[in-house]
Amino acid sequence: MPSSQPSSTVADILRIILAIILPPVGVLLQVGLGMHFWLNILLTLCGYVPGLVHAVWVIAKK
């Protein structure tokens, strides 16, 4: 019986790739329009690297 784990892993990899291109998009796809999204917008405006680190952290944590 196939599990949902592989599809979840593929989806996470796609979110991380999107987060590398534009960090808020990866966070938006992971958690929606919540506090983490707005925090990521702020971090990305302060610098690309803080926004990227936060986006990867949010995607990996969920």
PDB file of N, CA and C in Angstrom:
ATOM      1  N   MET A   1       0.847  -1.169   0.000  1.00  0.00           N
ATOM      2  CA  MET A   1       0.000   0.000   0.000  1.00  0.00           C
ATOM      3  C   MET A   1       0.899   1.241   0.000  1.00  0.00           C
ATOM      4  N   PRO A   2       0.832   2.120  -1.008  1.00  0.00           N
ATOM      5  CA  PRO A   2       1.684   3.299  -1.064  1.00  0.00           C
ATOM      6  C   PRO A   2       1.276   4.316  -0.004  1.00  0.00           C
ATOM      7  N   SER A   3       2.287   4.965   0.569  1.00  0.00           N
ATOM      8  CA  SER A   3       2.010   5.976   1.585  1.00  0.00           C
ATOM      9  C   SER A   3       2.040   7.361   0.959  1.00  0.00           C
ATOM     10  N   SER A   4       1.586   8.364   1.711  1.00  0.00           N
ATOM     11  CA  SER A   4       1.585   9.733   1.211  1.00  0.00           C
ATOM     12  C   SER A   4       2.927  10.424   1.454  1.00  0.00           C
ATOM     13  N   GLN A   5       3.875   9.767   2.073  1.00  0.00           N
ATOM     14  CA  GLN A   5       5.174  10.353   2.378  1.00  0.00           C
ATOM     15  C   GLN A   5       5.935  10.808   1.139  1.00  0.00           C
ATOM     16  N   PRO A   6       6.052  10.014   0.067  1.00  0.00           N
ATOM     17  CA  PRO A   6       6.806  10.480  -1.099  1.00  0.00           C
ATOM     18  C   PRO A   6       6.209  11.724  -1.740  1.00  0.00           C
ATOM     19  N   SER A   7       4.893  11.819  -1.847  1.00  0.00           N
ATOM     20  CA  SER A   7       4.289  13.002  -2.455  1.00  0.00           C
ATOM     21  C   SER A   7       4.502  14.224  -1.572  1.00  0.00           C
ATOM     22  N   SER A   8       4.490  14.033  -0.275  1.00  0.00           N
ATOM     23  CA  SER A   8       4.759  15.136   0.640  1.00  0.00           C
ATOM     24  C   SER A   8       6.197  15.617   0.487  1.00  0.00           C
ATOM     25  N   THR A   9       7.119  14.692   0.308  1.00  0.00           N
ATOM     26  CA  THR A   9       8.518  15.047   0.134  1.00  0.00           C
ATOM     27  C   THR A   9       8.720  15.806  -1.171  1.00  0.00           C
ATOM     28  N   VAL A  10       8.082  15.371  -2.233  1.00  0.00           N
ATOM     29  CA  VAL A  10       8.189  16.062  -3.518  1.00  0.00           C
ATOM     30  C   VAL A  10       7.600  17.465  -3.407  1.00  0.00           C
ATOM     31  N   ALA A  11       6.474  17.591  -2.729  1.00  0.00           N
ATOM     32  CA  ALA A  11       5.860  18.904  -2.550  1.00  0.00           C
ATOM     33  C   ALA A  11       6.770  19.820  -1.738  1.00  0.00           C
ATOM     34  N   ASP A  12       7.412  19.297  -0.708  1.00  0.00           N
ATOM     35  CA  ASP A  12       8.346  20.101   0.083  1.00  0.00           C
ATOM     36  C   ASP A  12       9.542  20.547  -0.749  1.00  0.00           C
ATOM     37  N   ILE A  13      10.040  19.670  -1.598  1.00  0.00           N
ATOM     38  CA  ILE A  13      11.167  20.034  -2.457  1.00  0.00           C
ATOM     39  C   ILE A  13      10.756  21.147  -3.423  1.00  0.00           C
ATOM     40  N   LEU A  14       9.560  21.056  -3.978  1.00  0.00           N
ATOM     41  CA  LEU A  14       9.079  22.119  -4.861  1.00  0.00           C
ATOM     42  C   LEU A  14       8.913  23.435  -4.110  1.00  0.00           C
ATOM     43  N   ARG A  15       8.419  23.365  -2.883  1.00  0.00           N
ATOM     44  CA  ARG A  15       8.284  24.584  -2.074  1.00  0.00           C
ATOM     45  C   ARG A  15       9.651  25.198  -1.772  1.00  0.00           C
ATOM     46  N   ILE A  16      10.638  24.373  -1.498  1.00  0.00           N
ATOM     47  CA  ILE A  16      11.985  24.886  -1.217  1.00  0.00           C
ATOM     48  C   ILE A  16      12.573  25.523  -2.475  1.00  0.00           C
ATOM     49  N   ILE A  17      12.352  24.918  -3.639  1.00  0.00           N
ATOM     50  CA  ILE A  17      12.834  25.520  -4.884  1.00  0.00           C
ATOM     51  C   ILE A  17      12.168  26.876  -5.114  1.00  0.00           C
ATOM     52  N   LEU A  18      10.865  26.954  -4.878  1.00  0.00           N
ATOM     53  CA  LEU A  18      10.170  28.234  -4.993  1.00  0.00           C
ATOM     54  C   LEU A  18      10.678  29.235  -3.958  1.00  0.00           C
ATOM     55  N   ALA A  19      10.995  28.749  -2.765  1.00  0.00           N
ATOM     56  CA  ALA A  19      11.508  29.630  -1.714  1.00  0.00           C
ATOM     57  C   ALA A  19      12.876  30.186  -2.087  1.00  0.00           C
ATOM     58  N   ILE A  20      13.674  29.420  -2.809  1.00  0.00           N
ATOM     59  CA  ILE A  20      14.976  29.919  -3.243  1.00  0.00           C
ATOM     60  C   ILE A  20      14.789  31.054  -4.255  1.00  0.00           C
ATOM     61  N   ILE A  21      13.816  30.900  -5.136  1.00  0.00           N
ATOM     62  CA  ILE A  21      13.553  31.933  -6.137  1.00  0.00           C
ATOM     63  C   ILE A  21      12.907  33.160  -5.486  1.00  0.00           C
ATOM     64  N   LEU A  22      11.864  32.942  -4.687  1.00  0.00           N
ATOM     65  CA  LEU A  22      11.133  34.024  -4.026  1.00  0.00           C
ATOM     66  C   LEU A  22      10.629  33.505  -2.679  1.00  0.00           C
ATOM     67  N   PRO A  23      11.345  33.794  -1.603  1.00  0.00           N
ATOM     68  CA  PRO A  23      11.029  33.194  -0.297  1.00  0.00           C
ATOM     69  C   PRO A  23       9.574  33.315   0.163  1.00  0.00           C
ATOM     70  N   PRO A  24       8.903  34.468   0.016  1.00  0.00           N
ATOM     71  CA  PRO A  24       7.518  34.519   0.500  1.00  0.00           C
ATOM     72  C   PRO A  24       6.571  33.553  -0.207  1.00  0.00           C
ATOM     73  N   VAL A  25       6.853  33.196  -1.452  1.00  0.00           N
ATOM     74  CA  VAL A  25       5.976  32.265  -2.171  1.00  0.00           C
ATOM     75  C   VAL A  25       6.027  30.882  -1.524  1.00  0.00           C
ATOM     76  N   GLY A  26       7.220  30.432  -1.155  1.00  0.00           N
ATOM     77  CA  GLY A  26       7.341  29.141  -0.487  1.00  0.00           C
ATOM     78  C   GLY A  26       6.604  29.109   0.840  1.00  0.00           C
ATOM     79  N   VAL A  27       6.715  30.197   1.596  1.00  0.00           N
ATOM     80  CA  VAL A  27       6.025  30.282   2.890  1.00  0.00           C
ATOM     81  C   VAL A  27       4.517  30.357   2.679  1.00  0.00           C
ATOM     82  N   LEU A  28       4.085  31.115   1.695  1.00  0.00           N
ATOM     83  CA  LEU A  28       2.655  31.230   1.408  1.00  0.00           C
ATOM     84  C   LEU A  28       2.051  29.875   1.072  1.00  0.00           C
ATOM     85  N   LEU A  29       2.741  29.088   0.270  1.00  0.00           N
ATOM     86  CA  LEU A  29       2.238  27.766  -0.090  1.00  0.00           C
ATOM     87  C   LEU A  29       2.234  26.816   1.102  1.00  0.00           C
ATOM     88  N   GLN A  30       3.133  27.030   2.049  1.00  0.00           N
ATOM     89  CA  GLN A  30       3.219  26.130   3.203  1.00  0.00           C
ATOM     90  C   GLN A  30       2.197  26.480   4.285  1.00  0.00           C
ATOM     91  N   VAL A  31       2.099  27.762   4.650  1.00  0.00           N
ATOM     92  CA  VAL A  31       1.276  28.133   5.804  1.00  0.00           C
ATOM     93  C   VAL A  31       0.144  29.103   5.492  1.00  0.00           C
ATOM     94  N   GLY A  32       0.080  29.639   4.288  1.00  0.00           N
ATOM     95  CA  GLY A  32      -0.982  30.583   3.950  1.00  0.00           C
ATOM     96  C   GLY A  32      -0.647  31.992   4.407  1.00  0.00           C
ATOM     97  N   LEU A  33      -1.671  32.828   4.473  1.00  0.00           N
ATOM     98  CA  LEU A  33      -1.484  34.241   4.830  1.00  0.00           C
ATOM     99  C   LEU A  33      -1.501  34.440   6.344  1.00  0.00           C
ATOM    100  N   GLY A  34      -0.568  33.849   7.016  1.00  0.00           N
ATOM    101  CA  GLY A  34      -0.487  33.967   8.463  1.00  0.00           C
ATOM    102  C   GLY A  34       0.695  34.810   8.894  1.00  0.00           C
ATOM    103  N   MET A  35       1.015  34.714  10.162  1.00  0.00           N
ATOM    104  CA  MET A  35       2.105  35.500  10.734  1.00  0.00           C
ATOM    105  C   MET A  35       3.443  35.188  10.068  1.00  0.00           C
ATOM    106  N   HIS A  36       3.702  33.911   9.768  1.00  0.00           N
ATOM    107  CA  HIS A  36       4.980  33.541   9.157  1.00  0.00           C
ATOM    108  C   HIS A  36       5.137  34.156   7.768  1.00  0.00           C
ATOM    109  N   PHE A  37       4.044  34.270   7.020  1.00  0.00           N
ATOM    110  CA  PHE A  37       4.122  34.883   5.699  1.00  0.00           C
ATOM    111  C   PHE A  37       4.533  36.346   5.805  1.00  0.00           C
ATOM    112  N   TRP A  38       3.856  37.087   6.688  1.00  0.00           N
ATOM    113  CA  TRP A  38       4.163  38.516   6.821  1.00  0.00           C
ATOM    114  C   TRP A  38       5.552  38.732   7.403  1.00  0.00           C
ATOM    115  N   LEU A  39       5.963  37.878   8.323  1.00  0.00           N
ATOM    116  CA  LEU A  39       7.321  37.963   8.850  1.00  0.00           C
ATOM    117  C   LEU A  39       8.336  37.705   7.744  1.00  0.00           C
ATOM    118  N   ASN A  40       8.036  36.763   6.871  1.00  0.00           N
ATOM    119  CA  ASN A  40       8.947  36.462   5.772  1.00  0.00           C
ATOM    120  C   ASN A  40       9.022  37.616   4.781  1.00  0.00           C
ATOM    121  N   ILE A  41       7.912  38.286   4.528  1.00  0.00           N
ATOM    122  CA  ILE A  41       7.933  39.483   3.673  1.00  0.00           C
ATOM    123  C   ILE A  41       8.879  40.519   4.277  1.00  0.00           C
ATOM    124  N   LEU A  42       8.751  40.757   5.576  1.00  0.00           N
ATOM    125  CA  LEU A  42       9.606  41.734   6.254  1.00  0.00           C
ATOM    126  C   LEU A  42      11.074  41.331   6.195  1.00  0.00           C
ATOM    127  N   LEU A  43      11.359  40.065   6.469  1.00  0.00           N
ATOM    128  CA  LEU A  43      12.744  39.587   6.422  1.00  0.00           C
ATOM    129  C   LEU A  43      13.320  39.660   5.014  1.00  0.00           C
ATOM    130  N   THR A  44      12.510  39.350   4.006  1.00  0.00           N
ATOM    131  CA  THR A  44      12.984  39.413   2.628  1.00  0.00           C
ATOM    132  C   THR A  44      13.258  40.855   2.211  1.00  0.00           C
ATOM    133  N   LEU A  45      12.448  41.788   2.695  1.00  0.00           N
ATOM    134  CA  LEU A  45      12.701  43.198   2.399  1.00  0.00           C
ATOM    135  C   LEU A  45      13.975  43.696   3.081  1.00  0.00           C
ATOM    136  N   CYS A  46      14.286  43.129   4.246  1.00  0.00           N
ATOM    137  CA  CYS A  46      15.525  43.499   4.947  1.00  0.00           C
ATOM    138  C   CYS A  46      16.745  42.888   4.270  1.00  0.00           C
ATOM    139  N   GLY A  47      16.557  41.799   3.593  1.00  0.00           N
ATOM    140  CA  GLY A  47      17.652  41.129   2.905  1.00  0.00           C
ATOM    141  C   GLY A  47      17.185  39.779   2.404  1.00  0.00           C
ATOM    142  N   TYR A  48      17.708  39.379   1.288  1.00  0.00           N
ATOM    143  CA  TYR A  48      17.277  38.122   0.676  1.00  0.00           C
ATOM    144  C   TYR A  48      17.616  36.916   1.555  1.00  0.00           C
ATOM    145  N   VAL A  49      18.814  36.911   2.134  1.00  0.00           N
ATOM    146  CA  VAL A  49      19.271  35.743   2.903  1.00  0.00           C
ATOM    147  C   VAL A  49      18.411  35.497   4.146  1.00  0.00           C
ATOM    148  N   PRO A  50      18.081  36.523   4.954  1.00  0.00           N
ATOM    149  CA  PRO A  50      17.201  36.234   6.103  1.00  0.00           C
ATOM    150  C   PRO A  50      15.836  35.689   5.679  1.00  0.00           C
ATOM    151  N   GLY A  51      15.283  36.212   4.610  1.00  0.00           N
ATOM    152  CA  GLY A  51      14.006  35.696   4.111  1.00  0.00           C
ATOM    153  C   GLY A  51      14.123  34.267   3.631  1.00  0.00           C
ATOM    154  N   LEU A  52      15.225  33.957   2.975  1.00  0.00           N
ATOM    155  CA  LEU A  52      15.452  32.596   2.481  1.00  0.00           C
ATOM    156  C   LEU A  52      15.614  31.613   3.633  1.00  0.00           C
ATOM    157  N   VAL A  53      16.401  31.976   4.617  1.00  0.00           N
ATOM    158  CA  VAL A  53      16.614  31.096   5.776  1.00  0.00           C
ATOM    159  C   VAL A  53      15.288  30.845   6.497  1.00  0.00           C
ATOM    160  N   HIS A  54      14.506  31.887   6.703  1.00  0.00           N
ATOM    161  CA  HIS A  54      13.219  31.733   7.376  1.00  0.00           C
ATOM    162  C   HIS A  54      12.283  30.854   6.556  1.00  0.00           C
ATOM    163  N   ALA A  55      12.250  31.044   5.246  1.00  0.00           N
ATOM    164  CA  ALA A  55      11.366  30.249   4.389  1.00  0.00           C
ATOM    165  C   ALA A  55      11.727  28.768   4.449  1.00  0.00           C
ATOM    166  N   VAL A  56      13.001  28.457   4.343  1.00  0.00           N
ATOM    167  CA  VAL A  56      13.422  27.052   4.401  1.00  0.00           C
ATOM    168  C   VAL A  56      13.114  26.470   5.779  1.00  0.00           C
ATOM    169  N   TRP A  57      13.302  27.256   6.825  1.00  0.00           N
ATOM    170  CA  TRP A  57      12.997  26.794   8.184  1.00  0.00           C
ATOM    171  C   TRP A  57      11.501  26.488   8.338  1.00  0.00           C
ATOM    172  N   VAL A  58      10.654  27.372   7.833  1.00  0.00           N
ATOM    173  CA  VAL A  58       9.201  27.150   7.940  1.00  0.00           C
ATOM    174  C   VAL A  58       8.790  25.905   7.162  1.00  0.00           C
ATOM    175  N   ILE A  59       9.332  25.737   5.966  1.00  0.00           N
ATOM    176  CA  ILE A  59       8.964  24.572   5.141  1.00  0.00           C
ATOM    177  C   ILE A  59       9.463  23.283   5.789  1.00  0.00           C
ATOM    178  N   ALA A  60      10.672  23.300   6.319  1.00  0.00           N
ATOM    179  CA  ALA A  60      11.225  22.097   6.939  1.00  0.00           C
ATOM    180  C   ALA A  60      10.529  21.756   8.252  1.00  0.00           C
ATOM    181  N   LYS A  61      10.090  22.766   8.976  1.00  0.00           N
ATOM    182  CA  LYS A  61       9.449  22.550  10.278  1.00  0.00           C
ATOM    183  C   LYS A  61       8.058  21.946  10.146  1.00  0.00           C
ATOM    184  N   LYS A  62       7.313  22.314   9.140  1.00  0.00           N
ATOM    185  CA  LYS A  62       5.914  21.864   9.007  1.00  0.00           C
ATOM    186  C   LYS A  62       5.854  20.482   8.420  1.00  0.00           C
TER     187      LYS A  62
END
